[in-house]
N, C-alpha and C. Protein backbone atom coordinates (compact mmCIF):
# COMPACT_ATOMS: atom_id res chain seq x y z
N MET A 1 92.82 -90.05 -38.48
CA MET A 1 92.23 -91.37 -38.39
C MET A 1 93.18 -92.37 -39.06
N ALA A 2 93.57 -93.39 -38.37
CA ALA A 2 94.58 -94.32 -38.87
C ALA A 2 94.08 -95.13 -40.05
N THR A 3 93.00 -95.83 -39.89
CA THR A 3 92.43 -96.60 -40.99
C THR A 3 90.96 -96.23 -41.10
N ASN A 4 90.45 -96.32 -42.31
CA ASN A 4 89.06 -95.98 -42.56
C ASN A 4 88.21 -97.24 -42.65
N TYR A 5 86.90 -97.05 -42.54
CA TYR A 5 85.97 -98.19 -42.60
C TYR A 5 85.83 -98.75 -44.01
N SER A 6 86.13 -97.95 -44.98
CA SER A 6 86.17 -98.41 -46.36
C SER A 6 87.53 -97.99 -46.92
N THR A 7 87.81 -98.35 -48.15
CA THR A 7 89.09 -97.97 -48.75
C THR A 7 88.84 -97.24 -50.06
N ALA A 8 89.83 -96.49 -50.49
CA ALA A 8 89.73 -95.78 -51.77
C ALA A 8 89.52 -96.78 -52.91
N GLN A 9 90.15 -97.95 -52.82
CA GLN A 9 90.01 -98.97 -53.87
C GLN A 9 88.58 -99.49 -53.95
N ILE A 10 87.99 -99.80 -52.81
CA ILE A 10 86.61 -100.30 -52.80
C ILE A 10 85.66 -99.26 -53.36
N VAL A 11 85.82 -98.02 -52.95
CA VAL A 11 84.94 -96.94 -53.42
C VAL A 11 85.16 -96.70 -54.92
N ALA A 12 86.42 -96.68 -55.35
CA ALA A 12 86.71 -96.47 -56.77
C ALA A 12 86.08 -97.56 -57.62
N ASP A 13 86.14 -98.81 -57.15
CA ASP A 13 85.49 -99.91 -57.88
C ASP A 13 83.98 -99.70 -57.93
N PHE A 14 83.40 -99.22 -56.85
CA PHE A 14 81.95 -99.01 -56.78
C PHE A 14 81.49 -97.90 -57.72
N VAL A 15 82.26 -96.81 -57.81
CA VAL A 15 81.85 -95.65 -58.62
C VAL A 15 82.50 -95.64 -60.01
N CYS A 16 83.29 -96.67 -60.31
CA CYS A 16 84.00 -96.77 -61.60
C CYS A 16 84.88 -95.55 -61.83
N ALA A 17 85.74 -95.29 -60.86
CA ALA A 17 86.66 -94.15 -60.94
C ALA A 17 88.07 -94.63 -60.67
N GLU A 18 89.01 -93.75 -60.83
CA GLU A 18 90.39 -94.03 -60.49
C GLU A 18 90.56 -93.89 -58.97
N VAL A 19 91.42 -94.70 -58.39
CA VAL A 19 91.65 -94.65 -56.94
C VAL A 19 92.09 -93.25 -56.50
N ALA A 20 92.90 -92.59 -57.29
CA ALA A 20 93.40 -91.26 -56.94
C ALA A 20 92.28 -90.22 -56.83
N GLU A 21 91.13 -90.48 -57.47
CA GLU A 21 90.01 -89.54 -57.41
C GLU A 21 89.26 -89.61 -56.08
N ILE A 22 89.45 -90.68 -55.33
CA ILE A 22 88.78 -90.84 -54.04
C ILE A 22 89.68 -90.23 -52.97
N LYS A 23 89.33 -89.04 -52.54
CA LYS A 23 90.18 -88.29 -51.62
C LYS A 23 90.01 -88.77 -50.18
N GLN A 24 91.06 -88.60 -49.42
CA GLN A 24 91.05 -88.99 -48.00
C GLN A 24 89.95 -88.24 -47.24
N ILE A 25 89.68 -87.01 -47.61
CA ILE A 25 88.64 -86.23 -46.94
C ILE A 25 87.27 -86.90 -47.07
N TYR A 26 87.00 -87.56 -48.20
CA TYR A 26 85.73 -88.26 -48.38
C TYR A 26 85.64 -89.46 -47.43
N LEU A 27 86.74 -90.21 -47.33
CA LEU A 27 86.77 -91.38 -46.45
C LEU A 27 86.63 -90.97 -44.98
N ASP A 28 87.35 -89.92 -44.58
CA ASP A 28 87.27 -89.44 -43.20
C ASP A 28 85.87 -88.92 -42.89
N TRP A 29 85.27 -88.20 -43.83
CA TRP A 29 83.92 -87.67 -43.63
C TRP A 29 82.92 -88.81 -43.40
N SER A 30 83.02 -89.87 -44.20
CA SER A 30 82.07 -90.97 -44.04
C SER A 30 82.25 -91.65 -42.68
N ASP A 31 83.49 -91.83 -42.24
CA ASP A 31 83.73 -92.42 -40.92
C ASP A 31 83.14 -91.54 -39.82
N ASN A 32 83.36 -90.24 -39.93
CA ASN A 32 82.81 -89.31 -38.93
C ASN A 32 81.29 -89.35 -38.89
N GLN A 33 80.66 -89.44 -40.07
CA GLN A 33 79.20 -89.54 -40.13
C GLN A 33 78.71 -90.78 -39.39
N ILE A 34 79.35 -91.90 -39.65
CA ILE A 34 78.95 -93.17 -39.03
C ILE A 34 79.13 -93.09 -37.51
N GLU A 35 80.27 -92.58 -37.06
CA GLU A 35 80.52 -92.50 -35.62
C GLU A 35 79.58 -91.53 -34.93
N ARG A 36 79.26 -90.43 -35.61
CA ARG A 36 78.33 -89.45 -35.04
C ARG A 36 76.91 -90.03 -34.93
N GLU A 37 76.47 -90.71 -35.97
CA GLU A 37 75.11 -91.25 -35.98
C GLU A 37 74.92 -92.45 -35.05
N THR A 38 75.98 -93.25 -34.89
CA THR A 38 75.85 -94.48 -34.09
C THR A 38 76.36 -94.33 -32.67
N GLY A 39 77.19 -93.33 -32.43
CA GLY A 39 77.80 -93.18 -31.12
C GLY A 39 78.86 -94.24 -30.84
N MET A 40 79.36 -94.88 -31.89
CA MET A 40 80.33 -95.96 -31.73
C MET A 40 81.49 -95.80 -32.70
N LYS A 41 82.61 -96.41 -32.34
CA LYS A 41 83.76 -96.54 -33.23
C LYS A 41 83.87 -98.01 -33.60
N PHE A 42 84.14 -98.26 -34.86
CA PHE A 42 84.23 -99.64 -35.34
C PHE A 42 85.67 -99.96 -35.73
N SER A 43 86.59 -99.50 -34.89
CA SER A 43 88.01 -99.65 -35.19
C SER A 43 88.64 -100.68 -34.28
N ASN A 44 89.95 -100.77 -34.39
CA ASN A 44 90.70 -101.73 -33.57
C ASN A 44 90.50 -101.45 -32.09
N ALA A 45 90.99 -102.36 -31.28
CA ALA A 45 90.79 -102.31 -29.84
C ALA A 45 91.29 -101.01 -29.21
N ASN A 46 90.51 -100.52 -28.30
CA ASN A 46 90.83 -99.33 -27.51
C ASN A 46 90.70 -99.73 -26.04
N SER A 47 91.40 -99.02 -25.18
CA SER A 47 91.31 -99.31 -23.74
C SER A 47 90.51 -98.22 -23.05
N ALA A 48 89.82 -98.61 -22.00
CA ALA A 48 89.07 -97.65 -21.20
C ALA A 48 89.22 -98.00 -19.73
N ASP A 49 89.20 -96.98 -18.91
CA ASP A 49 89.29 -97.12 -17.46
C ASP A 49 88.39 -96.03 -16.89
N GLU A 50 87.20 -96.42 -16.43
CA GLU A 50 86.23 -95.42 -15.99
C GLU A 50 85.58 -95.80 -14.67
N TYR A 51 85.18 -94.77 -13.94
CA TYR A 51 84.39 -94.94 -12.72
C TYR A 51 82.93 -94.69 -13.06
N PHE A 52 82.04 -95.39 -12.35
CA PHE A 52 80.61 -95.25 -12.61
C PHE A 52 79.87 -94.89 -11.34
N ASP A 53 78.90 -93.98 -11.49
CA ASP A 53 78.00 -93.62 -10.40
C ASP A 53 76.88 -94.65 -10.40
N ILE A 54 76.57 -95.18 -9.22
CA ILE A 54 75.59 -96.26 -9.12
C ILE A 54 74.35 -95.76 -8.37
N GLY A 55 73.21 -95.95 -9.02
CA GLY A 55 71.94 -95.57 -8.39
C GLY A 55 71.40 -96.70 -7.55
N ARG A 56 70.17 -96.55 -7.12
CA ARG A 56 69.52 -97.57 -6.28
C ARG A 56 69.32 -98.88 -7.02
N ALA A 57 69.56 -99.95 -6.37
CA ALA A 57 69.27 -101.30 -6.87
C ALA A 57 69.75 -101.52 -8.31
N GLN A 58 71.01 -101.23 -8.55
CA GLN A 58 71.56 -101.38 -9.89
C GLN A 58 72.46 -102.60 -9.93
N TYR A 59 72.06 -103.61 -10.71
CA TYR A 59 72.84 -104.83 -10.83
C TYR A 59 73.56 -104.92 -12.17
N LEU A 60 73.27 -103.98 -13.10
CA LEU A 60 73.84 -104.02 -14.43
C LEU A 60 74.44 -102.65 -14.75
N ILE A 61 75.61 -102.66 -15.39
CA ILE A 61 76.26 -101.41 -15.80
C ILE A 61 76.41 -101.44 -17.31
N GLN A 62 75.92 -100.38 -17.93
CA GLN A 62 76.09 -100.19 -19.37
C GLN A 62 77.39 -99.43 -19.61
N LEU A 63 78.35 -100.09 -20.23
CA LEU A 63 79.61 -99.42 -20.55
C LEU A 63 79.40 -98.52 -21.76
N PRO A 64 80.05 -97.37 -21.80
CA PRO A 64 79.82 -96.43 -22.90
C PRO A 64 80.45 -96.83 -24.23
N HIS A 65 81.36 -97.81 -24.21
CA HIS A 65 82.03 -98.23 -25.43
C HIS A 65 82.00 -99.74 -25.55
N GLY A 66 81.77 -100.24 -26.72
CA GLY A 66 81.74 -101.67 -26.94
C GLY A 66 81.96 -101.98 -28.41
N PRO A 67 81.89 -103.22 -28.79
CA PRO A 67 81.71 -104.38 -27.94
C PRO A 67 82.96 -104.64 -27.09
N ILE A 68 82.74 -105.33 -26.01
CA ILE A 68 83.84 -105.64 -25.09
C ILE A 68 84.69 -106.74 -25.72
N GLN A 69 86.00 -106.52 -25.78
CA GLN A 69 86.92 -107.58 -26.20
C GLN A 69 87.46 -108.31 -24.98
N SER A 70 87.78 -107.55 -23.93
CA SER A 70 88.23 -108.18 -22.69
C SER A 70 87.93 -107.25 -21.53
N LEU A 71 87.63 -107.86 -20.41
CA LEU A 71 87.38 -107.13 -19.17
C LEU A 71 88.60 -107.35 -18.29
N THR A 72 89.36 -106.27 -18.05
CA THR A 72 90.62 -106.38 -17.33
C THR A 72 90.41 -106.44 -15.83
N ALA A 73 89.63 -105.50 -15.29
CA ALA A 73 89.42 -105.45 -13.84
C ALA A 73 88.13 -104.69 -13.54
N VAL A 74 87.47 -105.14 -12.46
CA VAL A 74 86.27 -104.46 -11.97
C VAL A 74 86.38 -104.41 -10.45
N THR A 75 86.21 -103.21 -9.89
CA THR A 75 86.17 -103.06 -8.44
C THR A 75 84.85 -102.41 -8.06
N ASP A 76 84.27 -102.90 -6.97
CA ASP A 76 83.02 -102.36 -6.44
C ASP A 76 83.30 -101.88 -5.02
N ASN A 77 83.28 -100.57 -4.82
CA ASN A 77 83.56 -99.96 -3.52
C ASN A 77 84.91 -100.43 -2.97
N GLY A 78 85.90 -100.52 -3.88
CA GLY A 78 87.25 -100.90 -3.49
C GLY A 78 87.51 -102.40 -3.46
N VAL A 79 86.48 -103.21 -3.60
CA VAL A 79 86.63 -104.67 -3.58
C VAL A 79 86.82 -105.16 -5.02
N VAL A 80 87.92 -105.88 -5.24
CA VAL A 80 88.20 -106.41 -6.58
C VAL A 80 87.29 -107.61 -6.82
N LEU A 81 86.57 -107.58 -7.94
CA LEU A 81 85.65 -108.67 -8.29
C LEU A 81 86.35 -109.65 -9.22
N ASP A 82 85.99 -110.92 -9.08
CA ASP A 82 86.50 -111.95 -9.98
C ASP A 82 85.61 -111.94 -11.23
N VAL A 83 86.17 -111.53 -12.34
CA VAL A 83 85.40 -111.38 -13.57
C VAL A 83 84.77 -112.71 -13.98
N ALA A 84 85.47 -113.80 -13.75
CA ALA A 84 84.99 -115.12 -14.18
C ALA A 84 83.83 -115.63 -13.34
N THR A 85 83.82 -115.35 -12.04
CA THR A 85 82.78 -115.93 -11.18
C THR A 85 81.75 -114.93 -10.67
N ASP A 86 82.15 -113.69 -10.44
CA ASP A 86 81.23 -112.71 -9.86
C ASP A 86 80.35 -112.00 -10.89
N LEU A 87 80.79 -111.99 -12.14
CA LEU A 87 80.12 -111.16 -13.14
C LEU A 87 79.67 -111.94 -14.36
N LYS A 88 78.62 -111.43 -14.98
CA LYS A 88 78.23 -111.86 -16.32
C LYS A 88 78.65 -110.71 -17.23
N VAL A 89 79.29 -111.04 -18.34
CA VAL A 89 79.75 -110.04 -19.28
C VAL A 89 79.01 -110.23 -20.60
N TYR A 90 78.34 -109.19 -21.05
CA TYR A 90 77.61 -109.21 -22.31
C TYR A 90 78.47 -108.45 -23.33
N LEU A 91 79.25 -109.21 -24.09
CA LEU A 91 80.28 -108.64 -24.95
C LEU A 91 79.71 -107.66 -25.98
N GLU A 92 78.76 -108.11 -26.78
CA GLU A 92 78.22 -107.26 -27.86
C GLU A 92 77.45 -106.06 -27.32
N ASP A 93 76.73 -106.24 -26.22
CA ASP A 93 75.93 -105.15 -25.66
C ASP A 93 76.74 -104.21 -24.77
N ALA A 94 78.00 -104.56 -24.50
CA ALA A 94 78.89 -103.76 -23.64
C ALA A 94 78.26 -103.53 -22.26
N GLN A 95 77.83 -104.63 -21.64
CA GLN A 95 77.22 -104.56 -20.32
C GLN A 95 77.90 -105.57 -19.39
N ILE A 96 77.94 -105.21 -18.10
CA ILE A 96 78.39 -106.15 -17.09
C ILE A 96 77.33 -106.18 -16.00
N ALA A 97 77.18 -107.34 -15.39
CA ALA A 97 76.18 -107.50 -14.33
C ALA A 97 76.71 -108.52 -13.33
N TYR A 98 76.23 -108.40 -12.12
CA TYR A 98 76.53 -109.45 -11.16
C TYR A 98 75.87 -110.73 -11.63
N SER A 99 76.55 -111.84 -11.42
CA SER A 99 75.95 -113.13 -11.76
C SER A 99 74.74 -113.36 -10.89
N SER A 100 73.66 -113.87 -11.47
CA SER A 100 72.43 -114.06 -10.71
C SER A 100 72.53 -115.23 -9.74
N ASP A 101 73.54 -116.09 -9.92
CA ASP A 101 73.68 -117.21 -9.00
C ASP A 101 74.50 -116.83 -7.76
N THR A 102 74.95 -115.56 -7.69
CA THR A 102 75.67 -115.08 -6.52
C THR A 102 74.66 -114.80 -5.41
N GLU A 103 75.03 -115.08 -4.16
CA GLU A 103 74.13 -114.84 -3.04
C GLU A 103 73.70 -113.38 -3.01
N SER A 104 72.43 -113.14 -2.84
CA SER A 104 71.88 -111.80 -2.91
C SER A 104 71.73 -111.17 -1.54
N VAL A 105 72.01 -109.88 -1.48
CA VAL A 105 71.81 -109.12 -0.25
C VAL A 105 70.32 -108.88 -0.01
N LEU A 106 69.56 -108.71 -1.10
CA LEU A 106 68.14 -108.37 -0.98
C LEU A 106 67.21 -109.57 -1.20
N PHE A 107 67.73 -110.77 -1.15
CA PHE A 107 66.96 -112.00 -1.29
C PHE A 107 66.18 -112.05 -2.61
N THR A 108 66.81 -111.58 -3.65
CA THR A 108 66.25 -111.72 -5.00
C THR A 108 67.27 -112.49 -5.81
N ASN A 109 67.07 -112.56 -7.10
CA ASN A 109 68.02 -113.25 -7.96
C ASN A 109 69.24 -112.41 -8.28
N TYR A 110 69.27 -111.17 -7.83
CA TYR A 110 70.35 -110.28 -8.21
C TYR A 110 71.13 -109.77 -7.02
N ARG A 111 72.42 -109.57 -7.26
CA ARG A 111 73.28 -108.88 -6.32
C ARG A 111 73.50 -107.49 -6.91
N TYR A 112 73.47 -106.47 -6.09
CA TYR A 112 73.53 -105.10 -6.59
C TYR A 112 74.90 -104.48 -6.35
N PHE A 113 75.28 -103.57 -7.25
CA PHE A 113 76.50 -102.81 -7.07
C PHE A 113 76.31 -101.81 -5.94
N SER A 114 77.39 -101.45 -5.25
CA SER A 114 77.34 -100.49 -4.14
C SER A 114 76.85 -99.14 -4.66
N GLN A 115 75.91 -98.58 -3.95
CA GLN A 115 75.30 -97.32 -4.36
C GLN A 115 76.20 -96.14 -3.99
N GLY A 116 76.31 -95.16 -4.90
CA GLY A 116 77.07 -93.95 -4.63
C GLY A 116 77.83 -93.46 -5.84
N LEU A 117 78.50 -92.33 -5.66
CA LEU A 117 79.27 -91.73 -6.74
C LEU A 117 80.62 -92.42 -6.88
N ARG A 118 80.98 -92.71 -8.11
CA ARG A 118 82.28 -93.32 -8.44
C ARG A 118 82.54 -94.59 -7.62
N MET A 119 81.52 -95.40 -7.46
CA MET A 119 81.65 -96.62 -6.64
C MET A 119 82.25 -97.80 -7.40
N VAL A 120 82.03 -97.84 -8.70
CA VAL A 120 82.51 -98.99 -9.49
C VAL A 120 83.52 -98.50 -10.52
N ARG A 121 84.65 -99.19 -10.54
CA ARG A 121 85.68 -98.90 -11.53
C ARG A 121 85.78 -100.09 -12.47
N VAL A 122 85.74 -99.80 -13.76
CA VAL A 122 85.82 -100.85 -14.78
C VAL A 122 86.95 -100.52 -15.73
N GLN A 123 87.79 -101.52 -15.98
CA GLN A 123 88.86 -101.41 -16.96
C GLN A 123 88.60 -102.47 -18.02
N TRP A 124 88.54 -102.03 -19.28
CA TRP A 124 88.22 -102.98 -20.34
C TRP A 124 88.82 -102.54 -21.67
N THR A 125 88.85 -103.50 -22.58
CA THR A 125 89.27 -103.26 -23.96
C THR A 125 88.05 -103.47 -24.84
N TYR A 126 87.87 -102.57 -25.79
CA TYR A 126 86.68 -102.65 -26.63
C TYR A 126 87.03 -102.35 -28.08
N GLY A 127 86.12 -102.68 -28.96
CA GLY A 127 86.30 -102.39 -30.38
C GLY A 127 86.11 -103.64 -31.23
N TYR A 128 86.37 -103.48 -32.48
CA TYR A 128 86.21 -104.57 -33.45
C TYR A 128 87.57 -104.95 -34.01
N THR A 129 87.79 -106.25 -34.19
CA THR A 129 89.04 -106.68 -34.81
C THR A 129 89.00 -106.43 -36.31
N THR A 130 87.82 -106.54 -36.91
CA THR A 130 87.62 -106.18 -38.31
C THR A 130 86.36 -105.33 -38.40
N VAL A 131 86.30 -104.49 -39.38
CA VAL A 131 85.13 -103.63 -39.58
C VAL A 131 83.96 -104.51 -40.00
N PRO A 132 82.81 -104.41 -39.31
CA PRO A 132 81.65 -105.20 -39.71
C PRO A 132 81.26 -104.90 -41.17
N PRO A 133 80.86 -105.92 -41.93
CA PRO A 133 80.54 -105.73 -43.35
C PRO A 133 79.50 -104.63 -43.60
N VAL A 134 78.49 -104.53 -42.76
CA VAL A 134 77.46 -103.50 -42.96
C VAL A 134 78.05 -102.11 -42.77
N VAL A 135 79.01 -101.96 -41.88
CA VAL A 135 79.67 -100.67 -41.67
C VAL A 135 80.54 -100.33 -42.87
N GLN A 136 81.25 -101.32 -43.40
CA GLN A 136 82.08 -101.09 -44.58
C GLN A 136 81.22 -100.68 -45.77
N LYS A 137 80.09 -101.35 -45.96
CA LYS A 137 79.19 -101.01 -47.07
C LYS A 137 78.65 -99.60 -46.90
N LEU A 138 78.25 -99.25 -45.68
CA LEU A 138 77.74 -97.91 -45.41
C LEU A 138 78.82 -96.87 -45.67
N ALA A 139 80.03 -97.12 -45.22
CA ALA A 139 81.14 -96.19 -45.45
C ALA A 139 81.43 -96.04 -46.94
N THR A 140 81.33 -97.13 -47.67
CA THR A 140 81.54 -97.08 -49.12
C THR A 140 80.50 -96.19 -49.79
N LEU A 141 79.23 -96.36 -49.40
CA LEU A 141 78.16 -95.54 -50.00
C LEU A 141 78.27 -94.08 -49.62
N LEU A 142 78.60 -93.81 -48.36
CA LEU A 142 78.77 -92.41 -47.94
C LEU A 142 79.94 -91.75 -48.67
N THR A 143 81.03 -92.48 -48.82
CA THR A 143 82.18 -91.95 -49.54
C THR A 143 81.84 -91.74 -51.02
N ALA A 144 81.10 -92.68 -51.60
CA ALA A 144 80.66 -92.53 -52.99
C ALA A 144 79.77 -91.30 -53.14
N LYS A 145 78.89 -91.07 -52.17
CA LYS A 145 78.03 -89.88 -52.20
C LYS A 145 78.89 -88.62 -52.18
N ALA A 146 79.88 -88.57 -51.31
CA ALA A 146 80.76 -87.41 -51.23
C ALA A 146 81.49 -87.20 -52.56
N TYR A 147 81.94 -88.30 -53.15
CA TYR A 147 82.63 -88.22 -54.45
C TYR A 147 81.69 -87.68 -55.52
N TYR A 148 80.48 -88.24 -55.61
CA TYR A 148 79.52 -87.80 -56.63
C TYR A 148 79.15 -86.32 -56.43
N LEU A 149 78.91 -85.93 -55.19
CA LEU A 149 78.55 -84.53 -54.93
C LEU A 149 79.70 -83.59 -55.26
N SER A 150 80.93 -84.02 -55.05
CA SER A 150 82.06 -83.16 -55.41
C SER A 150 82.14 -83.01 -56.92
N LEU A 151 81.80 -84.07 -57.67
CA LEU A 151 81.78 -83.97 -59.13
C LEU A 151 80.69 -82.99 -59.58
N LEU A 152 79.52 -83.10 -58.98
CA LEU A 152 78.42 -82.19 -59.33
C LEU A 152 78.79 -80.75 -59.00
N SER A 153 79.42 -80.56 -57.86
CA SER A 153 79.83 -79.23 -57.44
C SER A 153 80.84 -78.64 -58.42
N ARG A 154 81.78 -79.46 -58.87
CA ARG A 154 82.79 -79.00 -59.82
C ARG A 154 82.16 -78.63 -61.15
N GLU A 155 81.21 -79.47 -61.63
CA GLU A 155 80.56 -79.21 -62.90
C GLU A 155 79.75 -77.92 -62.85
N SER A 156 79.06 -77.69 -61.75
CA SER A 156 78.21 -76.50 -61.66
C SER A 156 79.02 -75.21 -61.51
N LYS A 157 80.24 -75.29 -61.02
CA LYS A 157 81.05 -74.10 -60.82
C LYS A 157 82.00 -73.84 -61.99
N GLY A 158 82.13 -74.79 -62.89
CA GLY A 158 83.01 -74.61 -64.03
C GLY A 158 84.43 -75.02 -63.73
N ALA A 159 85.19 -75.18 -64.75
CA ALA A 159 86.55 -75.69 -64.63
C ALA A 159 87.46 -74.76 -63.84
N THR A 160 87.21 -73.46 -63.86
CA THR A 160 88.10 -72.54 -63.17
C THR A 160 88.02 -72.67 -61.65
N GLN A 161 86.89 -73.12 -61.13
CA GLN A 161 86.74 -73.28 -59.68
C GLN A 161 86.80 -74.74 -59.25
N ARG A 162 87.36 -75.55 -60.07
CA ARG A 162 87.40 -76.98 -59.82
C ARG A 162 87.98 -77.33 -58.45
N THR A 163 89.04 -76.69 -58.04
CA THR A 163 89.66 -77.02 -56.76
C THR A 163 88.84 -76.55 -55.56
N LEU A 164 87.91 -75.61 -55.77
CA LEU A 164 87.09 -75.12 -54.67
C LEU A 164 85.81 -75.93 -54.48
N GLY A 165 85.55 -76.84 -55.39
CA GLY A 165 84.28 -77.57 -55.33
C GLY A 165 84.02 -78.27 -54.02
N ASP A 166 85.03 -78.93 -53.45
CA ASP A 166 84.83 -79.69 -52.22
C ASP A 166 84.49 -78.77 -51.05
N ALA A 167 85.10 -77.61 -51.00
CA ALA A 167 84.90 -76.70 -49.87
C ALA A 167 83.52 -76.06 -49.89
N ASN A 168 82.87 -75.99 -51.04
CA ASN A 168 81.61 -75.27 -51.15
C ASN A 168 80.38 -76.16 -51.08
N MET A 169 80.54 -77.45 -50.92
CA MET A 169 79.36 -78.31 -50.88
C MET A 169 79.06 -78.76 -49.46
N ASN A 170 77.81 -79.09 -49.23
CA ASN A 170 77.38 -79.56 -47.92
C ASN A 170 76.98 -81.02 -48.06
N TRP A 171 77.88 -81.90 -47.71
CA TRP A 171 77.63 -83.34 -47.86
C TRP A 171 76.52 -83.82 -46.95
N ASP A 172 76.26 -83.12 -45.84
CA ASP A 172 75.22 -83.55 -44.91
C ASP A 172 73.82 -83.31 -45.45
N THR A 173 73.62 -82.22 -46.18
CA THR A 173 72.25 -81.87 -46.59
C THR A 173 71.98 -82.06 -48.07
N ASP A 174 73.00 -82.07 -48.91
CA ASP A 174 72.78 -82.25 -50.34
C ASP A 174 72.22 -83.65 -50.58
N LYS A 175 71.16 -83.72 -51.38
CA LYS A 175 70.49 -85.00 -51.63
C LYS A 175 71.16 -85.76 -52.77
N HIS A 176 71.07 -87.08 -52.68
CA HIS A 176 71.66 -87.94 -53.69
C HIS A 176 70.85 -89.24 -53.76
N PRO A 177 70.79 -89.89 -54.94
CA PRO A 177 70.04 -91.15 -55.06
C PRO A 177 70.49 -92.25 -54.10
N LEU A 178 71.72 -92.20 -53.59
CA LEU A 178 72.19 -93.22 -52.65
C LEU A 178 71.58 -93.04 -51.26
N ASP A 179 70.93 -91.91 -51.00
CA ASP A 179 70.43 -91.61 -49.65
C ASP A 179 69.47 -92.67 -49.10
N THR A 180 68.62 -93.24 -49.94
CA THR A 180 67.67 -94.26 -49.47
C THR A 180 68.41 -95.49 -48.96
N GLU A 181 69.37 -95.96 -49.73
CA GLU A 181 70.15 -97.13 -49.31
C GLU A 181 71.00 -96.81 -48.08
N ILE A 182 71.54 -95.60 -48.02
CA ILE A 182 72.33 -95.18 -46.87
C ILE A 182 71.47 -95.20 -45.61
N LYS A 183 70.26 -94.69 -45.70
CA LYS A 183 69.35 -94.66 -44.55
C LYS A 183 69.01 -96.09 -44.09
N MET A 184 68.79 -96.98 -45.04
CA MET A 184 68.49 -98.38 -44.70
C MET A 184 69.68 -99.03 -43.99
N LEU A 185 70.89 -98.77 -44.46
CA LEU A 185 72.07 -99.36 -43.84
C LEU A 185 72.31 -98.78 -42.44
N PHE A 186 72.04 -97.49 -42.25
CA PHE A 186 72.19 -96.90 -40.92
C PHE A 186 71.30 -97.63 -39.92
N ALA A 187 70.13 -98.09 -40.36
CA ALA A 187 69.23 -98.80 -39.46
C ALA A 187 69.79 -100.17 -39.06
N LEU A 188 70.69 -100.72 -39.85
CA LEU A 188 71.26 -102.05 -39.58
C LEU A 188 72.57 -102.00 -38.79
N VAL A 189 73.19 -100.84 -38.75
CA VAL A 189 74.50 -100.71 -38.11
C VAL A 189 74.34 -100.72 -36.59
N PRO A 190 75.21 -101.46 -35.89
CA PRO A 190 75.17 -101.41 -34.42
C PRO A 190 75.34 -99.98 -33.93
N ARG A 191 74.72 -99.67 -32.81
CA ARG A 191 74.84 -98.32 -32.26
C ARG A 191 74.90 -98.39 -30.74
N ALA A 192 75.39 -97.32 -30.17
CA ALA A 192 75.45 -97.24 -28.71
C ALA A 192 74.03 -97.41 -28.17
N ASN A 193 73.90 -98.04 -27.01
CA ASN A 193 72.58 -98.37 -26.48
C ASN A 193 71.70 -97.18 -26.18
N ASN A 194 72.27 -96.00 -26.05
CA ASN A 194 71.44 -94.84 -25.76
C ASN A 194 71.05 -94.08 -27.01
N LEU A 195 71.41 -94.58 -28.20
CA LEU A 195 71.02 -93.94 -29.45
C LEU A 195 70.08 -94.86 -30.22
N PHE A 196 68.99 -94.30 -30.71
CA PHE A 196 68.00 -95.10 -31.42
C PHE A 196 67.77 -94.53 -32.82
N VAL A 197 67.41 -95.40 -33.75
CA VAL A 197 67.10 -94.97 -35.11
C VAL A 197 65.74 -94.30 -35.08
N VAL A 198 65.64 -93.13 -35.71
CA VAL A 198 64.36 -92.40 -35.78
C VAL A 198 63.78 -92.57 -37.15
């Protein structure tokens, strides 16, 4: 992982520790937790080029990655669409739809994408230019939890097993006082549209 959602300095300041005590494994673990729970990456821009299967009367396509930074090209059954005039782009929701002011085939307010397998090709850039503050705070707390649990693990195993402490703990299931705040922040973090907070 090139850059993390939080930094060793931010976490060290939060837990009143030395920067060297905040290991890269803690930062990577917290990023993986966030991406697994939200179904999203909150990193710099990434490119995607995907084909979509279109069902009956579908005027909107949910892209699997967002938010959209730019829409490069969209083709519907081989026809290149003008992104500026033919489509509405919902950047934060990572959705594209035919503009409702376009003449409709079915005499409704919507124009529909061609039905069939791999009928629509979308090329786009997605991601965040900066990590959202709520994601950074969540990453900081998750990393702090990993740090605290590694300290507890080391203390319980004694000084002779100090280096094994990280390998023997389960950061996913071990409870910590930060868990309540972590759960609250997870509810505020953007997530892929097909994942919901339980």
